[in-house]
Amino acid sequence: MKVAAQNFESTSSAVKIDKAGIATVEVALKPLEVVITDKEVILNPVYFEYDKSNITAQGATELDKLVKVMKDNPSMVIFVKSHTDSKGGDDYNLKLSERRAQSTVQYLISKGISQGNISGKGFGSTEQKIKCGTNCTEQQDSQNRRSEFLIVKK
């Protein structure tokens, strides 16, 4: 059984029927943890693995929240900003972040978001979330490998 409710994450659960033919299912729904400001949609971080542009399982969970927000607000237009850590050269990081932006955009389109409502661009390591230059810890680097979601139109 799949359960969905507005402002909650959808979930699935197996249904077991007892000998009397009665089925009781308790499902705990998690609220969507999305903050919508005038300028951006804030999700839990959508991080990328080192030197990768594929959407992780954790990233997909967060992007699914954005899909719900955008489907509930069909006129909303989002601009994805993707970033890298400071490892690697500037040109390489720009290309990697561009692949991350496009991977994010394609994921959203694959979930039914109109191509006209989503675009993205890579910024390499030019806008670090954790400003640590090239002397970042692994944790700081992982926080800098991310995507952000700016609202172009509500």
N, C-alpha and C. Protein backbone atom coordinates (compact mmCIF):
# COMPACT_ATOMS: atom_id res chain seq x y z
N MET A 1 0.85 -1.17 0.00
CA MET A 1 0.00 0.00 0.00
C MET A 1 0.90 1.23 0.00
N LYS A 2 0.53 2.21 -0.79
CA LYS A 2 1.25 3.48 -0.83
C LYS A 2 0.36 4.54 -0.20
N VAL A 3 0.97 5.34 0.68
CA VAL A 3 0.22 6.38 1.39
C VAL A 3 0.85 7.73 1.06
N ALA A 4 -0.02 8.71 0.75
CA ALA A 4 0.46 10.06 0.44
C ALA A 4 -0.51 11.06 1.06
N ALA A 5 0.05 12.16 1.55
CA ALA A 5 -0.76 13.25 2.10
C ALA A 5 -0.03 14.55 1.83
N GLN A 6 -0.81 15.62 1.64
CA GLN A 6 -0.20 16.91 1.34
C GLN A 6 0.72 17.32 2.48
N ASN A 7 1.91 17.83 2.12
CA ASN A 7 2.95 18.30 3.04
C ASN A 7 3.61 17.19 3.84
N PHE A 8 3.48 15.94 3.37
CA PHE A 8 4.15 14.80 3.99
C PHE A 8 4.83 13.98 2.91
N GLU A 9 5.92 13.28 3.29
CA GLU A 9 6.58 12.38 2.36
C GLU A 9 5.68 11.17 2.15
N SER A 10 5.57 10.70 0.92
CA SER A 10 4.80 9.48 0.68
C SER A 10 5.62 8.29 1.14
N THR A 11 4.94 7.22 1.47
CA THR A 11 5.62 6.02 1.94
C THR A 11 4.84 4.79 1.51
N SER A 12 5.45 3.64 1.61
CA SER A 12 4.80 2.38 1.28
C SER A 12 4.86 1.46 2.48
N SER A 13 3.88 0.57 2.57
CA SER A 13 3.83 -0.37 3.68
C SER A 13 3.16 -1.65 3.19
N ALA A 14 3.62 -2.77 3.71
CA ALA A 14 2.98 -4.04 3.40
C ALA A 14 1.68 -4.14 4.20
N VAL A 15 0.67 -4.76 3.61
CA VAL A 15 -0.61 -4.94 4.28
C VAL A 15 -0.75 -6.41 4.64
N LYS A 16 -1.03 -6.66 5.91
CA LYS A 16 -1.25 -8.03 6.38
C LYS A 16 -2.69 -8.17 6.84
N ILE A 17 -3.33 -9.21 6.38
CA ILE A 17 -4.72 -9.45 6.74
C ILE A 17 -4.75 -10.60 7.74
N ASP A 18 -5.47 -10.39 8.87
CA ASP A 18 -5.53 -11.45 9.88
C ASP A 18 -6.55 -12.51 9.48
N LYS A 19 -6.73 -13.53 10.33
CA LYS A 19 -7.61 -14.66 10.01
C LYS A 19 -9.06 -14.24 9.83
N ALA A 20 -9.44 -13.16 10.47
CA ALA A 20 -10.81 -12.67 10.35
C ALA A 20 -11.01 -11.82 9.10
N GLY A 21 -9.95 -11.62 8.33
CA GLY A 21 -10.04 -10.83 7.10
C GLY A 21 -9.95 -9.33 7.34
N ILE A 22 -9.45 -8.95 8.49
CA ILE A 22 -9.34 -7.54 8.82
C ILE A 22 -7.89 -7.10 8.66
N ALA A 23 -7.73 -5.94 8.05
CA ALA A 23 -6.39 -5.39 7.85
C ALA A 23 -6.30 -4.07 8.60
N THR A 24 -5.31 -3.96 9.46
CA THR A 24 -5.04 -2.70 10.15
C THR A 24 -3.61 -2.31 9.82
N VAL A 25 -3.47 -1.11 9.32
CA VAL A 25 -2.14 -0.64 8.94
C VAL A 25 -1.89 0.70 9.62
N GLU A 26 -0.79 0.79 10.35
CA GLU A 26 -0.38 2.06 10.93
C GLU A 26 0.81 2.56 10.13
N VAL A 27 0.71 3.78 9.67
CA VAL A 27 1.78 4.36 8.86
C VAL A 27 2.16 5.69 9.47
N ALA A 28 3.44 5.87 9.74
CA ALA A 28 3.94 7.14 10.25
C ALA A 28 4.43 7.97 9.06
N LEU A 29 3.79 9.09 8.82
CA LEU A 29 4.20 9.96 7.72
C LEU A 29 5.14 11.03 8.25
N LYS A 30 6.20 11.28 7.49
CA LYS A 30 7.15 12.33 7.86
C LYS A 30 6.77 13.61 7.14
N PRO A 31 6.73 14.72 7.86
CA PRO A 31 6.41 15.98 7.18
C PRO A 31 7.52 16.37 6.22
N LEU A 32 7.13 17.02 5.14
CA LEU A 32 8.13 17.58 4.23
C LEU A 32 8.87 18.69 4.96
N GLU A 33 10.16 18.64 4.91
CA GLU A 33 10.96 19.66 5.57
C GLU A 33 11.49 20.62 4.52
N VAL A 34 10.59 21.41 4.00
CA VAL A 34 10.92 22.35 2.94
C VAL A 34 10.58 23.74 3.43
N VAL A 35 11.51 24.65 3.24
CA VAL A 35 11.27 26.05 3.58
C VAL A 35 11.26 26.82 2.27
N ILE A 36 10.19 27.58 2.05
CA ILE A 36 10.09 28.38 0.84
C ILE A 36 10.16 29.84 1.25
N THR A 37 11.22 30.51 0.82
CA THR A 37 11.37 31.94 1.11
C THR A 37 11.00 32.71 -0.17
N ASP A 38 11.19 34.01 -0.15
CA ASP A 38 10.94 34.79 -1.36
C ASP A 38 11.96 34.49 -2.45
N LYS A 39 13.14 33.99 -2.04
CA LYS A 39 14.24 33.83 -2.99
C LYS A 39 14.61 32.39 -3.31
N GLU A 40 14.31 31.44 -2.40
CA GLU A 40 14.76 30.08 -2.66
C GLU A 40 13.88 29.05 -1.97
N VAL A 41 14.02 27.81 -2.46
CA VAL A 41 13.43 26.65 -1.81
C VAL A 41 14.58 25.97 -1.08
N ILE A 42 14.44 25.86 0.23
CA ILE A 42 15.51 25.30 1.04
C ILE A 42 15.13 23.88 1.44
N LEU A 43 15.93 22.94 0.99
CA LEU A 43 15.76 21.53 1.33
C LEU A 43 16.87 21.14 2.28
N ASN A 44 16.79 19.93 2.80
CA ASN A 44 17.98 19.38 3.43
C ASN A 44 19.03 19.32 2.33
N PRO A 45 20.29 19.39 2.67
CA PRO A 45 21.33 19.47 1.63
C PRO A 45 21.27 18.32 0.62
N VAL A 46 21.45 18.69 -0.65
CA VAL A 46 21.58 17.71 -1.72
C VAL A 46 23.07 17.67 -2.04
N TYR A 47 23.76 16.72 -1.44
CA TYR A 47 25.21 16.61 -1.60
C TYR A 47 25.56 15.65 -2.72
N PHE A 48 26.77 15.78 -3.20
CA PHE A 48 27.30 14.90 -4.23
C PHE A 48 28.55 14.23 -3.69
N GLU A 49 28.81 13.02 -4.15
CA GLU A 49 30.04 12.34 -3.79
C GLU A 49 31.21 13.02 -4.49
N TYR A 50 32.40 12.80 -3.94
CA TYR A 50 33.61 13.38 -4.50
C TYR A 50 33.76 12.97 -5.96
N ASP A 51 33.96 13.96 -6.83
CA ASP A 51 34.22 13.76 -8.25
C ASP A 51 33.07 13.08 -9.00
N LYS A 52 31.84 13.20 -8.49
CA LYS A 52 30.69 12.55 -9.11
C LYS A 52 29.60 13.59 -9.39
N SER A 53 28.74 13.26 -10.36
CA SER A 53 27.62 14.14 -10.67
C SER A 53 26.28 13.41 -10.60
N ASN A 54 26.30 12.13 -10.23
CA ASN A 54 25.05 11.39 -10.16
C ASN A 54 24.26 11.74 -8.90
N ILE A 55 22.95 11.60 -9.00
CA ILE A 55 22.07 11.88 -7.86
C ILE A 55 22.14 10.69 -6.92
N THR A 56 22.46 10.96 -5.65
CA THR A 56 22.52 9.89 -4.64
C THR A 56 21.11 9.59 -4.15
N ALA A 57 20.94 8.49 -3.42
CA ALA A 57 19.64 8.14 -2.85
C ALA A 57 19.16 9.25 -1.92
N GLN A 58 20.07 9.79 -1.12
CA GLN A 58 19.71 10.89 -0.21
C GLN A 58 19.30 12.11 -1.01
N GLY A 59 20.02 12.40 -2.09
CA GLY A 59 19.69 13.53 -2.94
C GLY A 59 18.33 13.36 -3.60
N ALA A 60 18.03 12.14 -4.04
CA ALA A 60 16.73 11.87 -4.67
C ALA A 60 15.59 12.12 -3.69
N THR A 61 15.77 11.74 -2.45
CA THR A 61 14.74 11.96 -1.42
C THR A 61 14.46 13.46 -1.29
N GLU A 62 15.50 14.26 -1.26
CA GLU A 62 15.33 15.71 -1.14
C GLU A 62 14.73 16.30 -2.41
N LEU A 63 15.21 15.86 -3.57
CA LEU A 63 14.68 16.38 -4.83
C LEU A 63 13.21 16.03 -5.01
N ASP A 64 12.79 14.88 -4.48
CA ASP A 64 11.38 14.51 -4.55
C ASP A 64 10.52 15.52 -3.78
N LYS A 65 11.08 16.09 -2.73
CA LYS A 65 10.36 17.14 -1.99
C LYS A 65 10.19 18.39 -2.87
N LEU A 66 11.24 18.71 -3.62
CA LEU A 66 11.16 19.86 -4.53
C LEU A 66 10.14 19.59 -5.63
N VAL A 67 10.10 18.36 -6.13
CA VAL A 67 9.10 17.98 -7.14
C VAL A 67 7.71 18.26 -6.61
N LYS A 68 7.44 17.85 -5.38
CA LYS A 68 6.12 18.07 -4.78
C LYS A 68 5.81 19.57 -4.68
N VAL A 69 6.77 20.36 -4.22
CA VAL A 69 6.57 21.81 -4.11
C VAL A 69 6.24 22.39 -5.48
N MET A 70 6.99 21.98 -6.49
CA MET A 70 6.79 22.54 -7.83
C MET A 70 5.47 22.08 -8.44
N LYS A 71 5.06 20.86 -8.17
CA LYS A 71 3.77 20.40 -8.69
C LYS A 71 2.61 21.09 -7.98
N ASP A 72 2.81 21.41 -6.69
CA ASP A 72 1.79 22.16 -5.95
C ASP A 72 1.76 23.63 -6.36
N ASN A 73 2.83 24.11 -6.98
CA ASN A 73 2.95 25.51 -7.43
C ASN A 73 3.39 25.49 -8.89
N PRO A 74 2.48 25.15 -9.82
CA PRO A 74 2.89 24.91 -11.21
C PRO A 74 3.49 26.10 -11.94
N SER A 75 3.31 27.32 -11.43
CA SER A 75 3.92 28.46 -12.10
C SER A 75 5.33 28.75 -11.58
N MET A 76 5.76 28.01 -10.56
CA MET A 76 7.08 28.23 -9.98
C MET A 76 8.18 27.85 -10.97
N VAL A 77 9.18 28.71 -11.07
CA VAL A 77 10.35 28.46 -11.92
C VAL A 77 11.57 28.46 -11.00
N ILE A 78 12.38 27.41 -11.12
CA ILE A 78 13.55 27.22 -10.25
C ILE A 78 14.83 27.24 -11.07
N PHE A 79 15.86 27.87 -10.51
CA PHE A 79 17.21 27.88 -11.07
C PHE A 79 18.10 27.11 -10.11
N VAL A 80 18.71 26.03 -10.60
CA VAL A 80 19.58 25.18 -9.79
C VAL A 80 21.01 25.70 -9.89
N LYS A 81 21.63 25.94 -8.73
CA LYS A 81 23.04 26.32 -8.67
C LYS A 81 23.80 25.14 -8.07
N SER A 82 24.71 24.56 -8.83
CA SER A 82 25.49 23.42 -8.34
C SER A 82 26.94 23.83 -8.11
N HIS A 83 27.54 23.21 -7.11
CA HIS A 83 28.87 23.61 -6.66
C HIS A 83 29.77 22.39 -6.44
N THR A 84 31.06 22.66 -6.40
CA THR A 84 32.05 21.62 -6.11
C THR A 84 32.85 22.03 -4.87
N ASP A 85 33.70 21.10 -4.43
CA ASP A 85 34.67 21.46 -3.40
C ASP A 85 35.84 22.16 -4.08
N SER A 86 36.88 22.47 -3.33
CA SER A 86 38.01 23.23 -3.89
C SER A 86 39.10 22.34 -4.46
N LYS A 87 38.92 21.04 -4.40
CA LYS A 87 39.92 20.14 -5.00
C LYS A 87 39.78 20.19 -6.52
N GLY A 88 40.85 20.00 -7.23
CA GLY A 88 40.79 20.03 -8.69
C GLY A 88 40.96 21.45 -9.20
N GLY A 89 41.22 21.55 -10.49
CA GLY A 89 41.42 22.86 -11.11
C GLY A 89 40.11 23.59 -11.35
N ASP A 90 40.21 24.88 -11.57
CA ASP A 90 39.02 25.70 -11.77
C ASP A 90 38.19 25.24 -12.97
N ASP A 91 38.85 24.97 -14.11
CA ASP A 91 38.11 24.53 -15.30
C ASP A 91 37.42 23.21 -15.05
N TYR A 92 38.13 22.27 -14.44
CA TYR A 92 37.54 20.96 -14.15
C TYR A 92 36.33 21.11 -13.23
N ASN A 93 36.48 21.92 -12.18
CA ASN A 93 35.39 22.10 -11.22
C ASN A 93 34.17 22.75 -11.86
N LEU A 94 34.39 23.70 -12.76
CA LEU A 94 33.25 24.30 -13.47
C LEU A 94 32.51 23.26 -14.30
N LYS A 95 33.25 22.41 -14.99
CA LYS A 95 32.62 21.36 -15.80
C LYS A 95 31.90 20.34 -14.92
N LEU A 96 32.51 19.96 -13.81
CA LEU A 96 31.89 19.00 -12.89
C LEU A 96 30.61 19.59 -12.30
N SER A 97 30.66 20.83 -11.87
CA SER A 97 29.46 21.45 -11.29
C SER A 97 28.37 21.62 -12.34
N GLU A 98 28.75 21.86 -13.58
CA GLU A 98 27.76 21.95 -14.66
C GLU A 98 27.08 20.59 -14.86
N ARG A 99 27.87 19.50 -14.81
CA ARG A 99 27.28 18.16 -14.90
C ARG A 99 26.33 17.91 -13.72
N ARG A 100 26.70 18.38 -12.55
CA ARG A 100 25.83 18.23 -11.37
C ARG A 100 24.53 19.00 -11.55
N ALA A 101 24.62 20.21 -12.06
CA ALA A 101 23.42 21.02 -12.29
C ALA A 101 22.51 20.32 -13.30
N GLN A 102 23.09 19.84 -14.40
CA GLN A 102 22.29 19.18 -15.43
C GLN A 102 21.71 17.86 -14.94
N SER A 103 22.45 17.14 -14.12
CA SER A 103 21.96 15.90 -13.53
C SER A 103 20.75 16.18 -12.64
N THR A 104 20.83 17.25 -11.87
CA THR A 104 19.73 17.66 -11.00
C THR A 104 18.52 18.07 -11.82
N VAL A 105 18.73 18.89 -12.84
CA VAL A 105 17.64 19.33 -13.72
C VAL A 105 16.99 18.13 -14.39
N GLN A 106 17.79 17.21 -14.92
CA GLN A 106 17.24 16.04 -15.61
C GLN A 106 16.45 15.15 -14.65
N TYR A 107 16.91 15.03 -13.41
CA TYR A 107 16.17 14.24 -12.43
C TYR A 107 14.78 14.85 -12.23
N LEU A 108 14.72 16.16 -12.07
CA LEU A 108 13.43 16.83 -11.84
C LEU A 108 12.51 16.69 -13.05
N ILE A 109 13.07 16.81 -14.25
CA ILE A 109 12.28 16.63 -15.47
C ILE A 109 11.76 15.20 -15.54
N SER A 110 12.60 14.23 -15.16
CA SER A 110 12.18 12.83 -15.19
C SER A 110 11.02 12.55 -14.23
N LYS A 111 10.84 13.43 -13.25
CA LYS A 111 9.76 13.28 -12.27
C LYS A 111 8.53 14.11 -12.64
N GLY A 112 8.54 14.68 -13.86
CA GLY A 112 7.36 15.37 -14.35
C GLY A 112 7.38 16.88 -14.30
N ILE A 113 8.52 17.46 -13.93
CA ILE A 113 8.62 18.92 -13.92
C ILE A 113 8.89 19.40 -15.35
N SER A 114 8.17 20.40 -15.78
CA SER A 114 8.31 20.93 -17.13
C SER A 114 9.69 21.54 -17.33
N GLN A 115 10.26 21.29 -18.49
CA GLN A 115 11.58 21.82 -18.83
C GLN A 115 11.62 23.34 -18.74
N GLY A 116 10.49 23.99 -18.98
CA GLY A 116 10.42 25.44 -18.90
C GLY A 116 10.41 25.97 -17.47
N ASN A 117 10.24 25.08 -16.50
CA ASN A 117 10.16 25.50 -15.10
C ASN A 117 11.45 25.23 -14.33
N ILE A 118 12.46 24.68 -15.00
CA ILE A 118 13.69 24.33 -14.28
C ILE A 118 14.89 24.54 -15.19
N SER A 119 15.92 25.17 -14.66
CA SER A 119 17.18 25.32 -15.38
C SER A 119 18.29 25.29 -14.34
N GLY A 120 19.51 25.20 -14.80
CA GLY A 120 20.60 25.14 -13.85
C GLY A 120 21.93 25.54 -14.45
N LYS A 121 22.88 25.79 -13.55
CA LYS A 121 24.22 26.16 -13.97
C LYS A 121 25.20 25.73 -12.90
N GLY A 122 26.40 25.38 -13.33
CA GLY A 122 27.47 25.03 -12.40
C GLY A 122 28.33 26.24 -12.08
N PHE A 123 28.76 26.33 -10.83
CA PHE A 123 29.57 27.45 -10.38
C PHE A 123 30.94 27.01 -9.86
N GLY A 124 31.27 25.74 -10.06
CA GLY A 124 32.57 25.25 -9.58
C GLY A 124 32.73 25.47 -8.10
N SER A 125 33.91 25.93 -7.69
CA SER A 125 34.16 26.19 -6.27
C SER A 125 34.17 27.69 -5.99
N THR A 126 33.53 28.47 -6.88
CA THR A 126 33.59 29.93 -6.74
C THR A 126 32.71 30.47 -5.62
N GLU A 127 31.73 29.68 -5.16
CA GLU A 127 30.83 30.13 -4.10
C GLU A 127 30.78 29.08 -2.99
N GLN A 128 31.84 28.97 -2.22
CA GLN A 128 31.89 27.98 -1.15
C GLN A 128 30.86 28.30 -0.07
N LYS A 129 30.17 27.26 0.38
CA LYS A 129 29.26 27.42 1.52
C LYS A 129 30.08 27.55 2.79
N ILE A 130 31.09 26.69 2.91
CA ILE A 130 32.04 26.75 4.01
C ILE A 130 33.31 27.36 3.44
N LYS A 131 33.59 28.57 3.79
CA LYS A 131 34.71 29.30 3.19
C LYS A 131 36.02 28.85 3.84
N CYS A 132 36.64 27.87 3.18
CA CYS A 132 37.87 27.31 3.72
C CYS A 132 38.97 27.29 2.66
N GLY A 133 38.76 27.96 1.54
CA GLY A 133 39.77 28.02 0.50
C GLY A 133 40.13 26.64 -0.01
N THR A 134 41.44 26.36 -0.06
CA THR A 134 41.89 25.03 -0.50
C THR A 134 42.36 24.19 0.68
N ASN A 135 42.14 24.68 1.91
CA ASN A 135 42.55 23.96 3.12
C ASN A 135 41.34 23.40 3.86
N CYS A 136 40.43 22.78 3.14
CA CYS A 136 39.19 22.28 3.72
C CYS A 136 39.36 20.87 4.27
N THR A 137 38.60 20.59 5.33
CA THR A 137 38.52 19.21 5.83
C THR A 137 37.59 18.44 4.90
N GLU A 138 37.55 17.12 5.03
CA GLU A 138 36.65 16.31 4.21
C GLU A 138 35.20 16.70 4.47
N GLN A 139 34.85 16.99 5.70
CA GLN A 139 33.49 17.41 6.03
C GLN A 139 33.15 18.75 5.37
N GLN A 140 34.08 19.69 5.40
CA GLN A 140 33.85 20.98 4.75
C GLN A 140 33.71 20.81 3.24
N ASP A 141 34.59 19.97 2.66
CA ASP A 141 34.49 19.70 1.22
C ASP A 141 33.14 19.11 0.87
N SER A 142 32.65 18.16 1.66
CA SER A 142 31.37 17.52 1.34
C SER A 142 30.23 18.52 1.41
N GLN A 143 30.31 19.49 2.32
CA GLN A 143 29.26 20.51 2.42
C GLN A 143 29.31 21.49 1.24
N ASN A 144 30.47 21.64 0.65
CA ASN A 144 30.60 22.52 -0.51
C ASN A 144 30.14 21.85 -1.81
N ARG A 145 30.08 20.52 -1.85
CA ARG A 145 29.58 19.79 -3.02
C ARG A 145 28.06 19.70 -2.89
N ARG A 146 27.35 20.66 -3.49
CA ARG A 146 25.92 20.75 -3.24
C ARG A 146 25.20 21.41 -4.41
N SER A 147 23.86 21.36 -4.33
CA SER A 147 23.01 22.13 -5.24
C SER A 147 22.08 22.99 -4.40
N GLU A 148 21.76 24.17 -4.93
CA GLU A 148 20.83 25.09 -4.28
C GLU A 148 19.74 25.41 -5.28
N PHE A 149 18.57 25.88 -4.77
CA PHE A 149 17.39 26.04 -5.61
C PHE A 149 16.80 27.43 -5.45
N LEU A 150 17.14 28.31 -6.39
CA LEU A 150 16.67 29.68 -6.35
C LEU A 150 15.33 29.82 -7.07
N ILE A 151 14.45 30.61 -6.51
CA ILE A 151 13.15 30.83 -7.13
C ILE A 151 13.28 32.00 -8.11
N VAL A 152 13.04 31.73 -9.37
CA VAL A 152 13.06 32.76 -10.41
C VAL A 152 11.68 33.41 -10.48
N LYS A 153 10.65 32.57 -10.34
CA LYS A 153 9.26 33.04 -10.39
C LYS A 153 8.43 32.14 -9.50
N LYS A 154 7.56 32.77 -8.70
CA LYS A 154 6.69 31.97 -7.81
C LYS A 154 5.43 31.55 -8.48
